[in-house]
Protein backbone atom coordinates (compact mmCIF):
# COMPACT_ATOMS: atom_id res chain seq x y z
CA UNK A 1 4.58 7.67 22.18
CA UNK A 2 2.44 8.15 18.64
CA UNK A 3 2.96 5.26 16.30
CA UNK A 4 3.92 6.47 12.79
CA UNK A 5 2.67 4.20 9.54
CA UNK A 6 5.03 4.58 6.72
CA UNK A 7 2.54 4.29 3.35
CA UNK A 8 5.01 3.51 0.34
CA UNK A 9 3.73 5.06 -2.31
CA UNK A 10 5.32 4.67 -6.37
CA UNK A 11 3.33 7.67 -7.68
CA UNK A 12 1.68 10.82 -6.72
CA UNK A 13 -2.57 9.40 -6.64
CA UNK A 14 -1.04 6.01 -4.85
CA UNK A 15 -1.38 7.13 -1.26
CA UNK A 16 -5.03 7.73 -1.45
CA UNK A 17 -5.56 4.92 -4.28
CA UNK A 18 -3.72 2.42 -2.10
CA UNK A 19 -5.77 1.56 1.42
CA UNK A 20 -6.38 5.26 2.03
CA UNK A 21 -9.12 4.50 4.22
CA UNK A 22 -7.14 2.23 6.45
CA UNK A 23 -4.30 4.74 6.85
CA UNK A 24 -6.98 7.66 7.57
CA UNK A 25 -8.44 5.07 10.38
CA UNK A 26 -5.79 5.04 11.63
CA UNK A 27 -5.07 8.81 11.26
CA UNK A 28 -8.04 9.36 13.05
CA UNK A 29 -6.85 7.28 16.18
CA UNK A 30 -3.81 9.70 16.69
CA UNK A 31 -1.45 7.82 14.32
CA UNK A 32 1.24 9.70 12.71
CA UNK A 33 0.37 8.68 8.29
CA UNK A 34 4.08 9.25 6.62
CA UNK A 35 4.11 9.14 2.86
CA UNK A 36 7.21 8.36 1.19
CA UNK A 37 6.47 9.58 -2.14
CA UNK A 38 8.99 7.55 -4.20
CA UNK A 39 8.52 8.95 -7.50
CA UNK A 40 6.83 11.63 -9.05
CA UNK A 41 6.48 10.37 -12.93
CA UNK A 42 8.22 11.48 -15.65
CA UNK A 43 10.91 14.61 -15.47
CA UNK A 44 8.74 16.79 -17.11
CA UNK A 45 5.55 16.01 -14.92
CA UNK A 46 7.43 16.27 -11.49
CA UNK A 47 6.65 19.95 -10.45
CA UNK A 48 2.52 19.87 -11.36
CA UNK A 49 2.38 16.29 -9.72
CA UNK A 50 4.70 17.48 -6.53
CA UNK A 51 2.33 19.90 -6.05
CA UNK A 52 -0.84 17.96 -6.45
CA UNK A 53 0.45 15.51 -4.09
CA UNK A 54 1.10 18.39 -1.10
CA UNK A 55 -2.12 19.39 -1.35
CA UNK A 56 -3.83 15.68 -1.16
CA UNK A 57 -2.08 15.14 1.43
CA UNK A 58 -2.80 18.26 3.03
CA UNK A 59 -6.66 16.89 2.80
CA UNK A 60 -5.50 13.67 3.92
CA UNK A 61 -4.11 14.54 6.99
CA UNK A 62 -0.89 12.37 5.64
CA UNK A 63 2.93 13.58 6.42
CA UNK A 64 4.54 14.03 3.06
CA UNK A 65 8.41 12.43 2.86
CA UNK A 66 9.54 12.89 -0.78
CA UNK A 67 12.42 10.73 -2.07
CA UNK A 68 15.42 13.25 -3.23
CA UNK A 69 16.00 12.46 -6.30
CA UNK A 70 12.40 11.41 -7.08
CA UNK A 71 13.22 7.96 -8.23
CA UNK A 72 12.98 7.19 -12.27
CA UNK A 73 10.25 4.42 -11.95
CA UNK A 74 8.92 4.64 -16.23
CA UNK A 75 9.42 1.16 -18.01
CA UNK A 76 12.25 2.07 -19.89
CA UNK A 77 14.44 3.29 -16.66
CA UNK A 78 16.59 1.51 -14.59
CA UNK A 79 14.75 -0.36 -12.41
CA UNK A 80 17.27 -3.05 -10.88
CA UNK A 81 19.30 0.38 -9.79
CA UNK A 82 15.63 2.32 -8.98
CA UNK A 83 14.71 -0.39 -6.46
CA UNK A 84 18.00 -0.89 -5.36
CA UNK A 85 18.19 2.49 -4.17
CA UNK A 86 15.40 2.45 -2.95
CA UNK A 87 16.10 -0.61 -0.32
CA UNK A 88 19.01 2.17 0.68
CA UNK A 89 17.13 5.05 1.52
CA UNK A 90 14.63 2.80 3.39
CA UNK A 91 16.90 1.49 5.97
CA UNK A 92 17.68 5.29 7.11
CA UNK A 93 13.39 6.04 7.17
CA UNK A 94 12.94 2.95 9.10
CA UNK A 95 15.77 3.75 11.26
CA UNK A 96 14.47 6.88 11.69
CA UNK A 97 11.10 6.47 12.17
CA UNK A 98 11.08 3.34 13.60
CA UNK A 99 7.61 3.12 12.04
CA UNK A 100 4.78 0.22 14.06
CA UNK A 101 3.69 -0.42 10.86
CA UNK A 102 4.67 -0.78 6.99
CA UNK A 103 2.30 -0.06 4.04
CA UNK A 104 3.07 -0.57 0.56
CA UNK A 105 1.67 -1.79 -2.72
CA UNK A 106 1.95 -5.81 -3.46
CA UNK A 107 4.77 -7.49 -5.12
CA UNK A 108 2.27 -8.85 -7.39
CA UNK A 109 0.55 -5.42 -7.78
CA UNK A 110 0.55 -5.93 -11.84
CA UNK A 111 2.32 -2.31 -12.62
CA UNK A 112 6.27 -2.99 -13.16
CA UNK A 113 6.56 0.89 -10.24
CA UNK A 114 4.20 -0.38 -7.91
CA UNK A 115 6.01 -4.18 -7.91
CA UNK A 116 9.77 -2.94 -7.60
CA UNK A 117 8.65 -0.84 -4.60
CA UNK A 118 6.79 -3.71 -2.82
CA UNK A 119 9.76 -5.76 -3.08
CA UNK A 120 12.21 -3.28 -2.27
CA UNK A 121 9.58 -2.88 1.26
CA UNK A 122 10.41 -6.84 2.13
CA UNK A 123 14.05 -6.39 1.52
CA UNK A 124 14.23 -3.44 3.35
CA UNK A 125 12.13 -4.64 6.65
CA UNK A 126 14.26 -8.49 6.48
CA UNK A 127 17.15 -6.54 6.62
CA UNK A 128 16.43 -4.90 9.83
CA UNK A 129 18.35 -5.29 12.66
CA UNK A 130 15.63 -5.54 15.25
CA UNK A 131 12.04 -7.20 14.81
CA UNK A 132 10.26 -5.91 11.92
CA UNK A 133 6.68 -4.33 11.74
CA UNK A 134 4.16 -5.75 10.19
CA UNK A 135 4.01 -4.78 6.34
CA UNK A 136 0.18 -4.49 4.93
CA UNK A 137 -0.10 -4.66 1.23
CA UNK A 138 -2.29 -3.42 -1.41
CA UNK A 139 -3.58 -3.53 -4.70
CA UNK A 140 -4.49 -1.63 -7.54
CA UNK A 141 -3.49 -2.91 -10.32
CA UNK A 142 -3.93 -6.53 -9.68
CA UNK A 143 -6.45 -8.14 -6.86
CA UNK A 144 -4.45 -8.73 -3.53
CA UNK A 145 -4.59 -13.45 -3.96
CA UNK A 146 -4.71 -13.75 -0.11
CA UNK A 147 -6.25 -10.86 1.80
CA UNK A 148 -6.37 -11.06 5.86
CA UNK A 149 -8.01 -7.66 6.89
CA UNK A 150 -11.56 -5.88 5.96
CA UNK A 151 -11.06 -2.65 6.41
CA UNK A 152 -15.21 -1.56 6.44
CA UNK A 153 -16.14 2.18 5.81
CA UNK A 154 -19.22 4.85 5.17
CA UNK A 155 -20.03 7.28 2.55
CA UNK A 156 -18.62 9.71 5.00
CA UNK A 157 -14.86 8.27 4.54
CA UNK A 158 -15.52 7.76 0.92
CA UNK A 159 -16.18 11.83 0.48
CA UNK A 160 -12.45 11.96 2.22
CA UNK A 161 -10.94 10.24 0.36
CA UNK A 162 -12.60 11.82 -2.79
CA UNK A 163 -11.55 14.96 -1.48
CA UNK A 164 -7.81 14.06 -0.93
CA UNK A 165 -7.99 12.60 -4.59
CA UNK A 166 -9.50 15.11 -6.24
CA UNK A 167 -6.27 17.30 -5.56
CA UNK A 168 -4.77 15.38 -8.48
CA UNK A 169 -6.88 16.86 -11.08
CA UNK A 170 -3.93 15.84 -13.92
CA UNK A 171 -3.97 11.97 -13.92
CA UNK A 172 -8.14 11.92 -13.09
CA UNK A 173 -7.59 13.74 -16.44
CA UNK A 174 -5.94 10.73 -17.42
CA UNK A 175 -7.84 7.77 -15.37
CA UNK A 176 -11.21 8.05 -13.78
CA UNK A 177 -10.07 6.79 -10.21
CA UNK A 178 -12.64 8.10 -8.18
CA UNK A 179 -14.85 5.77 -10.16
CA UNK A 180 -12.47 3.22 -9.41
CA UNK A 181 -11.75 3.35 -6.13
CA UNK A 182 -16.15 3.88 -5.66
CA UNK A 183 -16.26 0.65 -7.39
CA UNK A 184 -13.59 -1.30 -5.44
CA UNK A 185 -15.44 -0.21 -2.01
CA UNK A 186 -18.48 -2.01 -3.21
CA UNK A 187 -17.09 -4.83 -4.72
CA UNK A 188 -14.61 -5.95 -1.48
CA UNK A 189 -17.33 -5.27 1.12
CA UNK A 190 -19.50 -7.53 -0.77
CA UNK A 191 -16.96 -10.48 -1.10
CA UNK A 192 -14.72 -9.38 1.72
CA UNK A 193 -16.02 -12.08 4.26
CA UNK A 194 -15.36 -15.28 1.85
CA UNK A 195 -11.88 -13.36 0.64
CA UNK A 196 -10.75 -13.36 4.26
CA UNK A 197 -12.72 -16.17 6.10
CA UNK A 198 -13.09 -17.92 3.47
CA UNK A 199 -15.75 -20.22 0.83
CA UNK A 200 -19.03 -19.52 2.32
CA UNK A 201 -18.26 -17.35 5.11
CA UNK A 202 -20.83 -14.30 6.29
CA UNK A 203 -20.05 -13.42 9.62
CA UNK A 204 -21.32 -10.19 9.90
CA UNK A 205 -23.72 -7.27 7.70
CA UNK A 206 -21.89 -6.11 5.18
CA UNK A 207 -20.95 -2.89 5.34
CA UNK A 208 -21.70 -0.15 2.83
CA UNK A 209 -18.14 0.29 1.75
CA UNK A 210 -14.59 -1.78 2.96
CA UNK A 211 -10.92 -2.20 1.60
CA UNK A 212 -9.38 -5.80 1.84
CA UNK A 213 -5.44 -5.43 2.43
CA UNK A 214 -2.74 -8.56 3.31
CA UNK A 215 -1.17 -8.73 6.50
CA UNK A 216 2.19 -10.48 6.17
CA UNK A 217 4.40 -10.44 9.39
CA UNK A 218 7.90 -12.09 10.08
CA UNK A 219 8.49 -14.38 12.47
CA UNK A 220 11.83 -16.83 13.65
CA UNK A 221 9.95 -19.22 10.66
CA UNK A 222 9.51 -16.57 8.16
CA UNK A 223 7.08 -14.92 6.90
CA UNK A 224 3.65 -15.29 7.57
CA UNK A 225 -0.01 -14.01 6.87
CA UNK A 226 -1.90 -12.26 9.58
CA UNK A 227 -4.90 -13.46 10.79
CA UNK A 228 -7.67 -13.16 9.27
CA UNK A 229 -9.70 -9.97 10.96
CA UNK A 230 -12.24 -6.58 10.76
CA UNK A 231 -9.66 -4.18 11.66
CA UNK A 232 -9.79 -2.01 14.97
CA UNK A 233 -8.22 0.62 15.13
CA UNK A 234 -7.46 0.27 18.69
CA UNK A 235 -6.32 -3.14 18.04
CA UNK A 236 -4.72 -3.14 15.18
CA UNK A 237 -2.59 -5.68 15.14
CA UNK A 238 -2.57 -9.86 15.56
CA UNK A 239 -0.98 -12.54 16.05
CA UNK A 240 0.09 -14.49 13.15
CA UNK A 241 -2.04 -16.98 11.68
CA UNK A 242 0.67 -19.67 11.21
CA UNK A 243 0.82 -20.02 7.08
CA UNK A 244 3.93 -19.35 5.76
CA UNK A 245 3.66 -16.88 3.05
CA UNK A 246 7.78 -15.82 1.80
CA UNK A 247 7.43 -17.83 -1.27
CA UNK A 248 5.34 -15.69 -2.23
CA UNK A 249 6.34 -12.80 -1.83
CA UNK A 250 9.81 -13.34 -2.61
CA UNK A 251 8.91 -14.97 -5.54
CA UNK A 252 8.34 -13.20 -9.63
CA UNK A 253 4.96 -11.73 -10.46
CA UNK A 254 3.32 -13.41 -13.23
CA UNK A 255 3.13 -9.53 -14.90
CA UNK A 256 7.33 -9.49 -14.50
CA UNK A 257 7.60 -12.85 -16.07
CA UNK A 258 5.29 -11.92 -18.76
CA UNK A 259 7.34 -8.15 -19.34
CA UNK A 260 10.65 -10.67 -19.71
CA UNK A 261 9.51 -13.04 -21.77
CA UNK A 262 8.09 -9.96 -24.02
CA UNK A 263 12.08 -9.02 -24.25
CA UNK A 264 13.12 -12.20 -24.95
């Protein structure tokens, strides 16, 4: 049976901004990569951004599963209601797809919509009546504090990512995500071993580019970080590390706390 990786994207472009090299490596290994598109930006942008999203997923080789209707994820929207809607929606999606892996933004990613989607992913997995698949978290707007997985890649993969990202032409006019992704990949390659294995670690020659991912898994003792390692598409999973992480997953993010303080 073909294994499914379910990617949760708050906005069009997040499907190729979050952890694209990892998802493309899984795709190349025969996985189905399904992108659950949670939102489409502001209502007046929906038609344009949906078309860009469809083209980006086609270029990336990802299946597209849009939320219907798209979730309202702008700062002035009812974000609590959007989170509840997404948790309920995920219950059905998880039951239908039975993914072997769920990928989502970190619940501490520094953007209200990204953090909302990360929280919803954690809550939906906790509510499953069966053992939950691993949750792989990525960061765009804030650094991952606990990366556990190094995903090296090369120039050819970077070009593939940039080709898919280029479908989001309107967003690239506003924000140079192409440059951001390349710069992040260079930086991650340089610091990967020390960030994943610990200060002073230098186990392998640095790759040209890398993604850093935080794996969290449910165990009878609660959420734990995955074992630190380099990604291997043929054997992507490992035993949990024994390091508890539920306290961080369920904690209020610094960014949410600051936003709340500004409103009081």
